[in-house]
Amino acid sequence: MSKLTKVISIDPTRQVVEEIELDVNNLRALYEHIGCRTIDVVCRQPNGDALTVDDEALLVEPQPPAFEFEGFSGSIHGIAIVSGCNRNGRSTAPKMTVEEVREKVKFIGDVYTEPFLMVVSFDWP
């Protein structure tokens, strides 16, 4: 049984930021909306919100149109979903409003971003 949640979709092809309803705890629903096979979560915000994006967007030719998100150092290619998170790790509706997200987004169109791999290690006690 799917549970639809109000989230925010950022579509750089259409240059639209809009509220949609999506089953954000269902990977297949995320894959279908974003148009991808794998996802990543980026741009974590202090309030718990974050962007779910296509993890392979930089590996396709041509790369999808892109946007910049305030506070994130790189460009984001393809559709992104803004959602929140509860203390159990489940996705929820975002705390940011559509208007707040619109203020943070700058559409930059067809640009090329060089793919890269970052490995982060942690020292365990």
PDB file of N, CA and C in Angstrom:
ATOM      1  N   MET A   1       0.843  -1.180   0.000  1.00  0.00           N
ATOM      2  CA  MET A   1       0.000   0.000   0.000  1.00  0.00           C
ATOM      3  C   MET A   1       0.887   1.241   0.000  1.00  0.00           C
ATOM      4  N   SER A   2       0.671   2.101  -0.958  1.00  0.00           N
ATOM      5  CA  SER A   2       1.515   3.294  -1.061  1.00  0.00           C
ATOM      6  C   SER A   2       0.905   4.448  -0.260  1.00  0.00           C
ATOM      7  N   LYS A   3       1.791   5.245   0.283  1.00  0.00           N
ATOM      8  CA  LYS A   3       1.368   6.429   1.037  1.00  0.00           C
ATOM      9  C   LYS A   3       1.967   7.645   0.346  1.00  0.00           C
ATOM     10  N   LEU A   4       1.121   8.461  -0.231  1.00  0.00           N
ATOM     11  CA  LEU A   4       1.597   9.643  -0.930  1.00  0.00           C
ATOM     12  C   LEU A   4       1.945  10.740   0.068  1.00  0.00           C
ATOM     13  N   THR A   5       3.057  11.406  -0.198  1.00  0.00           N
ATOM     14  CA  THR A   5       3.555  12.484   0.644  1.00  0.00           C
ATOM     15  C   THR A   5       3.755  13.717  -0.221  1.00  0.00           C
ATOM     16  N   LYS A   6       3.415  14.888   0.295  1.00  0.00           N
ATOM     17  CA  LYS A   6       3.675  16.121  -0.444  1.00  0.00           C
ATOM     18  C   LYS A   6       5.158  16.445  -0.344  1.00  0.00           C
ATOM     19  N   VAL A   7       5.813  16.496  -1.496  1.00  0.00           N
ATOM     20  CA  VAL A   7       7.236  16.824  -1.586  1.00  0.00           C
ATOM     21  C   VAL A   7       7.396  17.893  -2.662  1.00  0.00           C
ATOM     22  N   ILE A   8       8.627  18.333  -2.879  1.00  0.00           N
ATOM     23  CA  ILE A   8       8.880  19.376  -3.873  1.00  0.00           C
ATOM     24  C   ILE A   8       9.762  18.807  -4.968  1.00  0.00           C
ATOM     25  N   SER A   9       9.332  18.978  -6.213  1.00  0.00           N
ATOM     26  CA  SER A   9      10.075  18.506  -7.374  1.00  0.00           C
ATOM     27  C   SER A   9      10.756  19.697  -8.054  1.00  0.00           C
ATOM     28  N   ILE A  10      12.044  19.523  -8.364  1.00  0.00           N
ATOM     29  CA  ILE A  10      12.807  20.536  -9.105  1.00  0.00           C
ATOM     30  C   ILE A  10      13.114  19.937 -10.465  1.00  0.00           C
ATOM     31  N   ASP A  11      12.573  20.519 -11.530  1.00  0.00           N
ATOM     32  CA  ASP A  11      12.751  19.989 -12.885  1.00  0.00           C
ATOM     33  C   ASP A  11      13.497  21.019 -13.731  1.00  0.00           C
ATOM     34  N   PRO A  12      14.813  20.825 -13.950  1.00  0.00           N
ATOM     35  CA  PRO A  12      15.577  21.809 -14.715  1.00  0.00           C
ATOM     36  C   PRO A  12      15.275  21.804 -16.212  1.00  0.00           C
ATOM     37  N   THR A  13      14.680  20.742 -16.744  1.00  0.00           N
ATOM     38  CA  THR A  13      14.301  20.730 -18.157  1.00  0.00           C
ATOM     39  C   THR A  13      13.151  21.697 -18.386  1.00  0.00           C
ATOM     40  N   ARG A  14      12.141  21.623 -17.529  1.00  0.00           N
ATOM     41  CA  ARG A  14      10.974  22.508 -17.623  1.00  0.00           C
ATOM     42  C   ARG A  14      11.184  23.811 -16.860  1.00  0.00           C
ATOM     43  N   GLN A  15      12.271  23.892 -16.070  1.00  0.00           N
ATOM     44  CA  GLN A  15      12.569  25.036 -15.204  1.00  0.00           C
ATOM     45  C   GLN A  15      11.388  25.340 -14.281  1.00  0.00           C
ATOM     46  N   VAL A  16      10.956  24.267 -13.582  1.00  0.00           N
ATOM     47  CA  VAL A  16       9.800  24.354 -12.701  1.00  0.00           C
ATOM     48  C   VAL A  16      10.154  23.782 -11.329  1.00  0.00           C
ATOM     49  N   VAL A  17       9.735  24.482 -10.287  1.00  0.00           N
ATOM     50  CA  VAL A  17       9.798  23.987  -8.911  1.00  0.00           C
ATOM     51  C   VAL A  17       8.350  23.915  -8.451  1.00  0.00           C
ATOM     52  N   GLU A  18       7.876  22.697  -8.102  1.00  0.00           N
ATOM     53  CA  GLU A  18       6.469  22.538  -7.774  1.00  0.00           C
ATOM     54  C   GLU A  18       6.254  21.467  -6.710  1.00  0.00           C
ATOM     55  N   GLU A  19       5.137  21.599  -6.006  1.00  0.00           N
ATOM     56  CA  GLU A  19       4.764  20.585  -5.030  1.00  0.00           C
ATOM     57  C   GLU A  19       4.068  19.447  -5.760  1.00  0.00           C
ATOM     58  N   ILE A  20       4.446  18.219  -5.418  1.00  0.00           N
ATOM     59  CA  ILE A  20       3.812  17.034  -5.989  1.00  0.00           C
ATOM     60  C   ILE A  20       3.523  16.064  -4.853  1.00  0.00           C
ATOM     61  N   GLU A  21       2.729  15.042  -5.145  1.00  0.00           N
ATOM     62  CA  GLU A  21       2.515  13.955  -4.194  1.00  0.00           C
ATOM     63  C   GLU A  21       3.214  12.725  -4.732  1.00  0.00           C
ATOM     64  N   LEU A  22       4.010  12.078  -3.879  1.00  0.00           N
ATOM     65  CA  LEU A  22       4.830  10.948  -4.302  1.00  0.00           C
ATOM     66  C   LEU A  22       5.017  10.008  -3.122  1.00  0.00           C
ATOM     67  N   ASP A  23       5.098   8.719  -3.396  1.00  0.00           N
ATOM     68  CA  ASP A  23       5.414   7.741  -2.353  1.00  0.00           C
ATOM     69  C   ASP A  23       6.929   7.746  -2.178  1.00  0.00           C
ATOM     70  N   VAL A  24       7.439   8.656  -1.355  1.00  0.00           N
ATOM     71  CA  VAL A  24       8.881   8.887  -1.243  1.00  0.00           C
ATOM     72  C   VAL A  24       9.625   7.785  -0.504  1.00  0.00           C
ATOM     73  N   ASN A  25       8.913   6.830   0.077  1.00  0.00           N
ATOM     74  CA  ASN A  25       9.574   5.700   0.720  1.00  0.00           C
ATOM     75  C   ASN A  25       9.536   4.459  -0.167  1.00  0.00           C
ATOM     76  N   ASN A  26       9.231   4.660  -1.446  1.00  0.00           N
ATOM     77  CA  ASN A  26       9.186   3.589  -2.433  1.00  0.00           C
ATOM     78  C   ASN A  26      10.224   3.899  -3.510  1.00  0.00           C
ATOM     79  N   LEU A  27      11.292   3.102  -3.562  1.00  0.00           N
ATOM     80  CA  LEU A  27      12.359   3.374  -4.533  1.00  0.00           C
ATOM     81  C   LEU A  27      11.855   3.430  -5.964  1.00  0.00           C
ATOM     82  N   ARG A  28      10.963   2.522  -6.334  1.00  0.00           N
ATOM     83  CA  ARG A  28      10.458   2.502  -7.715  1.00  0.00           C
ATOM     84  C   ARG A  28       9.765   3.823  -8.059  1.00  0.00           C
ATOM     85  N   ALA A  29       8.998   4.384  -7.121  1.00  0.00           N
ATOM     86  CA  ALA A  29       8.324   5.667  -7.362  1.00  0.00           C
ATOM     87  C   ALA A  29       9.347   6.782  -7.553  1.00  0.00           C
ATOM     88  N   LEU A  30      10.419   6.778  -6.744  1.00  0.00           N
ATOM     89  CA  LEU A  30      11.479   7.778  -6.910  1.00  0.00           C
ATOM     90  C   LEU A  30      12.165   7.615  -8.258  1.00  0.00           C
ATOM     91  N   TYR A  31      12.521   6.381  -8.618  1.00  0.00           N
ATOM     92  CA  TYR A  31      13.181   6.123  -9.904  1.00  0.00           C
ATOM     93  C   TYR A  31      12.326   6.627 -11.063  1.00  0.00           C
ATOM     94  N   GLU A  32      11.018   6.329 -11.006  1.00  0.00           N
ATOM     95  CA  GLU A  32      10.124   6.731 -12.099  1.00  0.00           C
ATOM     96  C   GLU A  32      10.008   8.245 -12.201  1.00  0.00           C
ATOM     97  N   HIS A  33       9.853   8.930 -11.078  1.00  0.00           N
ATOM     98  CA  HIS A  33       9.694  10.389 -11.147  1.00  0.00           C
ATOM     99  C   HIS A  33      10.981  11.070 -11.597  1.00  0.00           C
ATOM    100  N   ILE A  34      12.106  10.643 -11.040  1.00  0.00           N
ATOM    101  CA  ILE A  34      13.388  11.262 -11.389  1.00  0.00           C
ATOM    102  C   ILE A  34      13.853  10.807 -12.770  1.00  0.00           C
ATOM    103  N   GLY A  35      13.466   9.583 -13.169  1.00  0.00           N
ATOM    104  CA  GLY A  35      13.896   9.035 -14.455  1.00  0.00           C
ATOM    105  C   GLY A  35      15.292   8.442 -14.358  1.00  0.00           C
ATOM    106  N   CYS A  36      15.510   7.591 -13.345  1.00  0.00           N
ATOM    107  CA  CYS A  36      16.855   7.070 -13.111  1.00  0.00           C
ATOM    108  C   CYS A  36      16.817   5.618 -12.647  1.00  0.00           C
ATOM    109  N   ARG A  37      18.029   5.047 -12.451  1.00  0.00           N
ATOM    110  CA  ARG A  37      18.176   3.680 -11.949  1.00  0.00           C
ATOM    111  C   ARG A  37      18.753   3.639 -10.540  1.00  0.00           C
ATOM    112  N   THR A  38      19.464   4.690 -10.159  1.00  0.00           N
ATOM    113  CA  THR A  38      20.052   4.770  -8.817  1.00  0.00           C
ATOM    114  C   THR A  38      19.899   6.199  -8.301  1.00  0.00           C
ATOM    115  N   ILE A  39      19.816   6.330  -6.986  1.00  0.00           N
ATOM    116  CA  ILE A  39      19.640   7.660  -6.400  1.00  0.00           C
ATOM    117  C   ILE A  39      20.746   7.963  -5.403  1.00  0.00           C
ATOM    118  N   ASP A  40      20.876   9.242  -5.095  1.00  0.00           N
ATOM    119  CA  ASP A  40      21.765   9.705  -4.041  1.00  0.00           C
ATOM    120  C   ASP A  40      21.023  10.818  -3.308  1.00  0.00           C
ATOM    121  N   VAL A  41      21.394  11.059  -2.068  1.00  0.00           N
ATOM    122  CA  VAL A  41      20.798  12.136  -1.281  1.00  0.00           C
ATOM    123  C   VAL A  41      21.884  13.170  -1.027  1.00  0.00           C
ATOM    124  N   VAL A  42      21.613  14.410  -1.436  1.00  0.00           N
ATOM    125  CA  VAL A  42      22.601  15.490  -1.346  1.00  0.00           C
ATOM    126  C   VAL A  42      21.960  16.728  -0.726  1.00  0.00           C
ATOM    127  N   CYS A  43      22.767  17.747  -0.506  1.00  0.00           N
ATOM    128  CA  CYS A  43      22.298  19.058  -0.017  1.00  0.00           C
ATOM    129  C   CYS A  43      21.526  18.950   1.282  1.00  0.00           C
ATOM    130  N   ARG A  44      22.023  18.145   2.190  1.00  0.00           N
ATOM    131  CA  ARG A  44      21.334  18.033   3.489  1.00  0.00           C
ATOM    132  C   ARG A  44      21.273  19.402   4.159  1.00  0.00           C
ATOM    133  N   GLN A  45      20.091  19.748   4.628  1.00  0.00           N
ATOM    134  CA  GLN A  45      19.838  21.041   5.248  1.00  0.00           C
ATOM    135  C   GLN A  45      19.806  20.898   6.770  1.00  0.00           C
ATOM    136  N   PRO A  46      20.081  21.973   7.498  1.00  0.00           N
ATOM    137  CA  PRO A  46      20.036  21.915   8.966  1.00  0.00           C
ATOM    138  C   PRO A  46      18.678  21.463   9.519  1.00  0.00           C
ATOM    139  N   ASN A  47      17.609  21.705   8.768  1.00  0.00           N
ATOM    140  CA  ASN A  47      16.271  21.336   9.244  1.00  0.00           C
ATOM    141  C   ASN A  47      15.905  19.883   8.944  1.00  0.00           C
ATOM    142  N   GLY A  48      16.822  19.116   8.335  1.00  0.00           N
ATOM    143  CA  GLY A  48      16.554  17.717   8.013  1.00  0.00           C
ATOM    144  C   GLY A  48      16.138  17.477   6.579  1.00  0.00           C
ATOM    145  N   ASP A  49      15.830  18.526   5.819  1.00  0.00           N
ATOM    146  CA  ASP A  49      15.476  18.362   4.411  1.00  0.00           C
ATOM    147  C   ASP A  49      16.718  18.017   3.593  1.00  0.00           C
ATOM    148  N   ALA A  50      16.492  17.381   2.441  1.00  0.00           N
ATOM    149  CA  ALA A  50      17.589  17.039   1.539  1.00  0.00           C
ATOM    150  C   ALA A  50      17.022  16.819   0.142  1.00  0.00           C
ATOM    151  N   LEU A  51      17.911  16.750  -0.850  1.00  0.00           N
ATOM    152  CA  LEU A  51      17.528  16.501  -2.227  1.00  0.00           C
ATOM    153  C   LEU A  51      17.879  15.072  -2.611  1.00  0.00           C
ATOM    154  N   THR A  52      16.923  14.372  -3.206  1.00  0.00           N
ATOM    155  CA  THR A  52      17.162  13.050  -3.778  1.00  0.00           C
ATOM    156  C   THR A  52      17.358  13.262  -5.271  1.00  0.00           C
ATOM    157  N   VAL A  53      18.486  12.758  -5.805  1.00  0.00           N
ATOM    158  CA  VAL A  53      18.874  13.030  -7.189  1.00  0.00           C
ATOM    159  C   VAL A  53      19.279  11.743  -7.907  1.00  0.00           C
ATOM    160  N   ASP A  54      19.424  11.843  -9.233  1.00  0.00           N
ATOM    161  CA  ASP A  54      19.916  10.750 -10.066  1.00  0.00           C
ATOM    162  C   ASP A  54      21.412  10.594  -9.831  1.00  0.00           C
ATOM    163  N   ASP A  55      21.820   9.462  -9.275  1.00  0.00           N
ATOM    164  CA  ASP A  55      23.229   9.232  -8.958  1.00  0.00           C
ATOM    165  C   ASP A  55      24.092   9.067 -10.208  1.00  0.00           C
ATOM    166  N   GLU A  56      23.474   8.749 -11.344  1.00  0.00           N
ATOM    167  CA  GLU A  56      24.238   8.515 -12.571  1.00  0.00           C
ATOM    168  C   GLU A  56      24.071   9.617 -13.613  1.00  0.00           C
ATOM    169  N   ALA A  57      23.499  10.755 -13.234  1.00  0.00           N
ATOM    170  CA  ALA A  57      23.210  11.819 -14.203  1.00  0.00           C
ATOM    171  C   ALA A  57      24.452  12.329 -14.920  1.00  0.00           C
ATOM    172  N   LEU A  58      25.609  12.296 -14.258  1.00  0.00           N
ATOM    173  CA  LEU A  58      26.837  12.790 -14.894  1.00  0.00           C
ATOM    174  C   LEU A  58      27.439  11.777 -15.850  1.00  0.00           C
ATOM    175  N   LEU A  59      26.910  10.559 -15.871  1.00  0.00           N
ATOM    176  CA  LEU A  59      27.493   9.491 -16.684  1.00  0.00           C
ATOM    177  C   LEU A  59      26.788   9.287 -18.013  1.00  0.00           C
ATOM    178  N   VAL A  60      25.707  10.014 -18.272  1.00  0.00           N
ATOM    179  CA  VAL A  60      24.980   9.863 -19.536  1.00  0.00           C
ATOM    180  C   VAL A  60      25.386  10.965 -20.503  1.00  0.00           C
ATOM    181  N   GLU A  61      25.251  10.675 -21.788  1.00  0.00           N
ATOM    182  CA  GLU A  61      25.559  11.648 -22.844  1.00  0.00           C
ATOM    183  C   GLU A  61      24.301  11.886 -23.659  1.00  0.00           C
ATOM    184  N   PRO A  62      23.808  13.085 -23.778  1.00  0.00           N
ATOM    185  CA  PRO A  62      24.266  14.272 -23.060  1.00  0.00           C
ATOM    186  C   PRO A  62      23.731  14.253 -21.628  1.00  0.00           C
ATOM    187  N   GLN A  63      24.397  14.983 -20.761  1.00  0.00           N
ATOM    188  CA  GLN A  63      23.916  15.108 -19.388  1.00  0.00           C
ATOM    189  C   GLN A  63      22.610  15.905 -19.383  1.00  0.00           C
ATOM    190  N   PRO A  64      21.693  15.576 -18.469  1.00  0.00           N
ATOM    191  CA  PRO A  64      20.449  16.348 -18.386  1.00  0.00           C
ATOM    192  C   PRO A  64      20.731  17.801 -17.987  1.00  0.00           C
ATOM    193  N   PRO A  65      19.795  18.710 -18.276  1.00  0.00           N
ATOM    194  CA  PRO A  65      19.950  20.092 -17.823  1.00  0.00           C
ATOM    195  C   PRO A  65      20.193  20.135 -16.312  1.00  0.00           C
ATOM    196  N   ALA A  66      20.782  21.239 -15.859  1.00  0.00           N
ATOM    197  CA  ALA A  66      21.232  21.323 -14.467  1.00  0.00           C
ATOM    198  C   ALA A  66      20.679  22.548 -13.757  1.00  0.00           C
ATOM    199  N   PHE A  67      20.874  22.529 -12.439  1.00  0.00           N
ATOM    200  CA  PHE A  67      20.562  23.692 -11.614  1.00  0.00           C
ATOM    201  C   PHE A  67      21.569  23.753 -10.476  1.00  0.00           C
ATOM    202  N   GLU A  68      21.661  24.929  -9.875  1.00  0.00           N
ATOM    203  CA  GLU A  68      22.468  25.109  -8.673  1.00  0.00           C
ATOM    204  C   GLU A  68      21.509  25.257  -7.504  1.00  0.00           C
ATOM    205  N   PHE A  69      21.949  24.779  -6.334  1.00  0.00           N
ATOM    206  CA  PHE A  69      21.139  24.883  -5.121  1.00  0.00           C
ATOM    207  C   PHE A  69      21.965  25.601  -4.068  1.00  0.00           C
ATOM    208  N   GLU A  70      21.422  26.669  -3.526  1.00  0.00           N
ATOM    209  CA  GLU A  70      22.138  27.497  -2.549  1.00  0.00           C
ATOM    210  C   GLU A  70      22.754  26.634  -1.439  1.00  0.00           C
ATOM    211  N   GLY A  71      24.054  26.837  -1.212  1.00  0.00           N
ATOM    212  CA  GLY A  71      24.750  26.099  -0.172  1.00  0.00           C
ATOM    213  C   GLY A  71      25.412  24.824  -0.643  1.00  0.00           C
ATOM    214  N   PHE A  72      25.178  24.430  -1.910  1.00  0.00           N
ATOM    215  CA  PHE A  72      25.799  23.230  -2.480  1.00  0.00           C
ATOM    216  C   PHE A  72      26.838  23.679  -3.484  1.00  0.00           C
ATOM    217  N   SER A  73      28.018  23.103  -3.440  1.00  0.00           N
ATOM    218  CA  SER A  73      29.133  23.629  -4.234  1.00  0.00           C
ATOM    219  C   SER A  73      29.116  23.246  -5.706  1.00  0.00           C
ATOM    220  N   GLY A  74      28.326  22.286  -6.112  1.00  0.00           N
ATOM    221  CA  GLY A  74      28.341  21.864  -7.512  1.00  0.00           C
ATOM    222  C   GLY A  74      26.989  22.034  -8.167  1.00  0.00           C
ATOM    223  N   SER A  75      26.923  21.650  -9.442  1.00  0.00           N
ATOM    224  CA  SER A  75      25.643  21.680 -10.144  1.00  0.00           C
ATOM    225  C   SER A  75      24.963  20.324  -9.993  1.00  0.00           C
ATOM    226  N   ILE A  76      23.645  20.334 -10.059  1.00  0.00           N
ATOM    227  CA  ILE A  76      22.838  19.123  -9.943  1.00  0.00           C
ATOM    228  C   ILE A  76      22.133  18.931 -11.271  1.00  0.00           C
ATOM    229  N   HIS A  77      22.313  17.764 -11.868  1.00  0.00           N
ATOM    230  CA  HIS A  77      21.726  17.476 -13.175  1.00  0.00           C
ATOM    231  C   HIS A  77      20.477  16.615 -13.030  1.00  0.00           C
ATOM    232  N   GLY A  78      19.442  16.961 -13.781  1.00  0.00           N
ATOM    233  CA  GLY A  78      18.208  16.184 -13.785  1.00  0.00           C
ATOM    234  C   GLY A  78      17.251  16.596 -12.680  1.00  0.00           C
ATOM    235  N   ILE A  79      16.149  15.865 -12.621  1.00  0.00           N
ATOM    236  CA  ILE A  79      15.092  16.146 -11.650  1.00  0.00           C
ATOM    237  C   ILE A  79      15.559  15.782 -10.248  1.00  0.00           C
ATOM    238  N   ALA A  80      15.191  16.601  -9.274  1.00  0.00           N
ATOM    239  CA  ALA A  80      15.487  16.337  -7.868  1.00  0.00           C
ATOM    240  C   ALA A  80      14.197  16.433  -7.062  1.00  0.00           C
ATOM    241  N   ILE A  81      14.153  15.676  -5.982  1.00  0.00           N
ATOM    242  CA  ILE A  81      13.023  15.700  -5.056  1.00  0.00           C
ATOM    243  C   ILE A  81      13.509  16.251  -3.721  1.00  0.00           C
ATOM    244  N   VAL A  82      12.815  17.246  -3.185  1.00  0.00           N
ATOM    245  CA  VAL A  82      13.125  17.772  -1.856  1.00  0.00           C
ATOM    246  C   VAL A  82      12.160  17.115  -0.874  1.00  0.00           C
ATOM    247  N   SER A  83      12.727  16.438   0.121  1.00  0.00           N
ATOM    248  CA  SER A  83      11.904  15.798   1.146  1.00  0.00           C
ATOM    249  C   SER A  83      12.562  15.985   2.501  1.00  0.00           C
ATOM    250  N   GLY A  84      11.819  15.673   3.542  1.00  0.00           N
ATOM    251  CA  GLY A  84      12.346  15.711   4.895  1.00  0.00           C
ATOM    252  C   GLY A  84      12.686  14.310   5.353  1.00  0.00           C
ATOM    253  N   CYS A  85      12.987  14.179   6.633  1.00  0.00           N
ATOM    254  CA  CYS A  85      13.366  12.880   7.187  1.00  0.00           C
ATOM    255  C   CYS A  85      12.970  12.842   8.658  1.00  0.00           C
ATOM    256  N   ASN A  86      12.412  11.707   9.095  1.00  0.00           N
ATOM    257  CA  ASN A  86      12.100  11.588  10.519  1.00  0.00           C
ATOM    258  C   ASN A  86      13.246  10.897  11.253  1.00  0.00           C
ATOM    259  N   ARG A  87      13.125  10.759  12.560  1.00  0.00           N
ATOM    260  CA  ARG A  87      14.249  10.195  13.325  1.00  0.00           C
ATOM    261  C   ARG A  87      14.449   8.709  13.082  1.00  0.00           C
ATOM    262  N   ASN A  88      13.511   8.055  12.407  1.00  0.00           N
ATOM    263  CA  ASN A  88      13.668   6.646  12.045  1.00  0.00           C
ATOM    264  C   ASN A  88      14.291   6.476  10.665  1.00  0.00           C
ATOM    265  N   GLY A  89      14.593   7.603  10.000  1.00  0.00           N
ATOM    266  CA  GLY A  89      15.207   7.539   8.682  1.00  0.00           C
ATOM    267  C   GLY A  89      14.230   7.461   7.527  1.00  0.00           C
ATOM    268  N   ARG A  90      12.946   7.551   7.795  1.00  0.00           N
ATOM    269  CA  ARG A  90      11.934   7.514   6.733  1.00  0.00           C
ATOM    270  C   ARG A  90      11.770   8.910   6.140  1.00  0.00           C
ATOM    271  N   SER A  91      11.524   8.951   4.839  1.00  0.00           N
ATOM    272  CA  SER A  91      11.294  10.234   4.172  1.00  0.00           C
ATOM    273  C   SER A  91       9.928  10.781   4.563  1.00  0.00           C
ATOM    274  N   THR A  92       9.867  12.104   4.691  1.00  0.00           N
ATOM    275  CA  THR A  92       8.644  12.805   5.077  1.00  0.00           C
ATOM    276  C   THR A  92       8.485  14.035   4.184  1.00  0.00           C
ATOM    277  N   ALA A  93       7.410  14.769   4.398  1.00  0.00           N
ATOM    278  CA  ALA A  93       7.248  16.053   3.712  1.00  0.00           C
ATOM    279  C   ALA A  93       8.373  16.986   4.166  1.00  0.00           C
ATOM    280  N   PRO A  94       8.870  17.836   3.260  1.00  0.00           N
ATOM    281  CA  PRO A  94       9.941  18.759   3.651  1.00  0.00           C
ATOM    282  C   PRO A  94       9.420  19.864   4.556  1.00  0.00           C
ATOM    283  N   LYS A  95      10.324  20.421   5.329  1.00  0.00           N
ATOM    284  CA  LYS A  95       9.977  21.583   6.156  1.00  0.00           C
ATOM    285  C   LYS A  95      10.001  22.864   5.318  1.00  0.00           C
ATOM    286  N   MET A  96      10.859  22.900   4.285  1.00  0.00           N
ATOM    287  CA  MET A  96      10.911  24.070   3.400  1.00  0.00           C
ATOM    288  C   MET A  96       9.636  24.144   2.567  1.00  0.00           C
ATOM    289  N   THR A  97       9.239  25.358   2.245  1.00  0.00           N
ATOM    290  CA  THR A  97       8.094  25.570   1.362  1.00  0.00           C
ATOM    291  C   THR A  97       8.573  25.615  -0.088  1.00  0.00           C
ATOM    292  N   VAL A  98       7.631  25.524  -0.999  1.00  0.00           N
ATOM    293  CA  VAL A  98       7.967  25.649  -2.425  1.00  0.00           C
ATOM    294  C   VAL A  98       8.649  26.987  -2.678  1.00  0.00           C
ATOM    295  N   GLU A  99       8.158  28.047  -2.058  1.00  0.00           N
ATOM    296  CA  GLU A  99       8.739  29.378  -2.261  1.00  0.00           C
ATOM    297  C   GLU A  99      10.179  29.430  -1.762  1.00  0.00           C
ATOM    298  N   GLU A 100      10.451  28.819  -0.608  1.00  0.00           N
ATOM    299  CA  GLU A 100      11.821  28.794  -0.083  1.00  0.00           C
ATOM    300  C   GLU A 100      12.758  28.019  -1.002  1.00  0.00           C
ATOM    301  N   VAL A 101      12.271  26.916  -1.552  1.00  0.00           N
ATOM    302  CA  VAL A 101      13.097  26.130  -2.479  1.00  0.00           C
ATOM    303  C   VAL A 101      13.340  26.930  -3.754  1.00  0.00           C
ATOM    304  N   ARG A 102      12.318  27.588  -4.276  1.00  0.00           N
ATOM    305  CA  ARG A 102      12.494  28.409  -5.489  1.00  0.00           C
ATOM    306  C   ARG A 102      13.591  29.450  -5.294  1.00  0.00           C
ATOM    307  N   GLU A 103      13.654  30.038  -4.097  1.00  0.00           N
ATOM    308  CA  GLU A 103      14.683  31.047  -3.817  1.00  0.00           C
ATOM    309  C   GLU A 103      16.086  30.453  -3.812  1.00  0.00           C
ATOM    310  N   LYS A 104      16.205  29.161  -3.521  1.00  0.00           N
ATOM    311  CA  LYS A 104      17.510  28.502  -3.450  1.00  0.00           C
ATOM    312  C   LYS A 104      17.968  27.918  -4.789  1.00  0.00           C
ATOM    313  N   VAL A 105      17.062  27.840  -5.771  1.00  0.00           N
ATOM    314  CA  VAL A 105      17.360  27.201  -7.059  1.00  0.00           C
ATOM    315  C   VAL A 105      17.717  28.238  -8.115  1.00  0.00           C
ATOM    316  N   LYS A 106      18.775  27.938  -8.877  1.00  0.00           N
ATOM    317  CA  LYS A 106      19.127  28.741 -10.048  1.00  0.00           C
ATOM    318  C   LYS A 106      19.308  27.762 -11.205  1.00  0.00           C
ATOM    319  N   PHE A 107      18.430  27.838 -12.209  1.00  0.00           N
ATOM    320  CA  PHE A 107      18.527  26.948 -13.363  1.00  0.00           C
ATOM    321  C   PHE A 107      19.681  27.399 -14.250  1.00  0.00           C
ATOM    322  N   ILE A 108      20.533  26.457 -14.649  1.00  0.00           N
ATOM    323  CA  ILE A 108      21.701  26.809 -15.468  1.00  0.00           C
ATOM    324  C   ILE A 108      21.717  26.089 -16.811  1.00  0.00           C
ATOM    325  N   GLY A 109      20.701  25.271 -17.101  1.00  0.00           N
ATOM    326  CA  GLY A 109      20.539  24.686 -18.418  1.00  0.00           C
ATOM    327  C   GLY A 109      21.516  23.582 -18.762  1.00  0.00           C
ATOM    328  N   ASP A 110      21.896  23.566 -20.049  1.00  0.00           N
ATOM    329  CA  ASP A 110      22.765  22.515 -20.578  1.00  0.00           C
ATOM    330  C   ASP A 110      24.220  22.867 -20.335  1.00  0.00           C
ATOM    331  N   VAL A 111      24.762  22.347 -19.268  1.00  0.00           N
ATOM    332  CA  VAL A 111      26.177  22.518 -18.943  1.00  0.00           C
ATOM    333  C   VAL A 111      26.769  21.129 -18.760  1.00  0.00           C
ATOM    334  N   TYR A 112      28.082  21.032 -18.919  1.00  0.00           N
ATOM    335  CA  TYR A 112      28.756  19.749 -18.707  1.00  0.00           C
ATOM    336  C   TYR A 112      29.473  19.791 -17.365  1.00  0.00           C
ATOM    337  N   THR A 113      29.286  18.753 -16.581  1.00  0.00           N
ATOM    338  CA  THR A 113      29.977  18.614 -15.300  1.00  0.00           C
ATOM    339  C   THR A 113      30.820  17.349 -15.362  1.00  0.00           C
ATOM    340  N   GLU A 114      32.107  17.489 -15.106  1.00  0.00           N
ATOM    341  CA  GLU A 114      33.014  16.337 -15.126  1.00  0.00           C
ATOM    342  C   GLU A 114      32.645  15.381 -13.984  1.00  0.00           C
ATOM    343  N   PRO A 115      32.382  14.105 -14.300  1.00  0.00           N
ATOM    344  CA  PRO A 115      32.093  13.140 -13.233  1.00  0.00           C
ATOM    345  C   PRO A 115      33.306  12.949 -12.319  1.00  0.00           C
ATOM    346  N   PHE A 116      33.048  12.684 -11.049  1.00  0.00           N
ATOM    347  CA  PHE A 116      34.140  12.439 -10.100  1.00  0.00           C
ATOM    348  C   PHE A 116      33.661  11.459  -9.036  1.00  0.00           C
ATOM    349  N   LEU A 117      34.611  10.859  -8.358  1.00  0.00           N
ATOM    350  CA  LEU A 117      34.312   9.924  -7.283  1.00  0.00           C
ATOM    351  C   LEU A 117      34.970  10.431  -6.014  1.00  0.00           C
ATOM    352  N   MET A 118      34.212  10.505  -4.946  1.00  0.00           N
ATOM    353  CA  MET A 118      34.763  10.950  -3.669  1.00  0.00           C
ATOM    354  C   MET A 118      34.613   9.810  -2.662  1.00  0.00           C
ATOM    355  N   VAL A 119      35.708   9.452  -2.030  1.00  0.00           N
ATOM    356  CA  VAL A 119      35.681   8.423  -0.995  1.00  0.00           C
ATOM    357  C   VAL A 119      35.949   9.097   0.344  1.00  0.00           C
ATOM    358  N   VAL A 120      35.083   8.860   1.289  1.00  0.00           N
ATOM    359  CA  VAL A 120      35.230   9.443   2.616  1.00  0.00           C
ATOM    360  C   VAL A 120      35.456   8.302   3.596  1.00  0.00           C
ATOM    361  N   SER A 121      36.520   8.394   4.375  1.00  0.00           N
ATOM    362  CA  SER A 121      36.752   7.351   5.379  1.00  0.00           C
ATOM    363  C   SER A 121      36.562   7.936   6.769  1.00  0.00           C
ATOM    364  N   PHE A 122      36.198   7.089   7.657  1.00  0.00           N
ATOM    365  CA  PHE A 122      35.963   7.495   9.036  1.00  0.00           C
ATOM    366  C   PHE A 122      36.869   6.680   9.940  1.00  0.00           C
ATOM    367  N   ASP A 123      37.417   7.304  10.949  1.00  0.00           N
ATOM    368  CA  ASP A 123      38.197   6.580  11.950  1.00  0.00           C
ATOM    369  C   ASP A 123      37.230   5.991  12.967  1.00  0.00           C
ATOM    370  N   TRP A 124      37.302   4.695  13.133  1.00  0.00           N
ATOM    371  CA  TRP A 124      36.431   4.030  14.098  1.00  0.00           C
ATOM    372  C   TRP A 124      37.169   3.886  15.422  1.00  0.00           C
ATOM    373  N   PRO A 125      36.459   4.063  16.519  1.00  0.00           N
ATOM    374  CA  PRO A 125      37.117   3.963  17.846  1.00  0.00           C
ATOM    375  C   PRO A 125      37.672   2.572  18.108  1.00  0.00           C
TER     376      PRO A 125
END
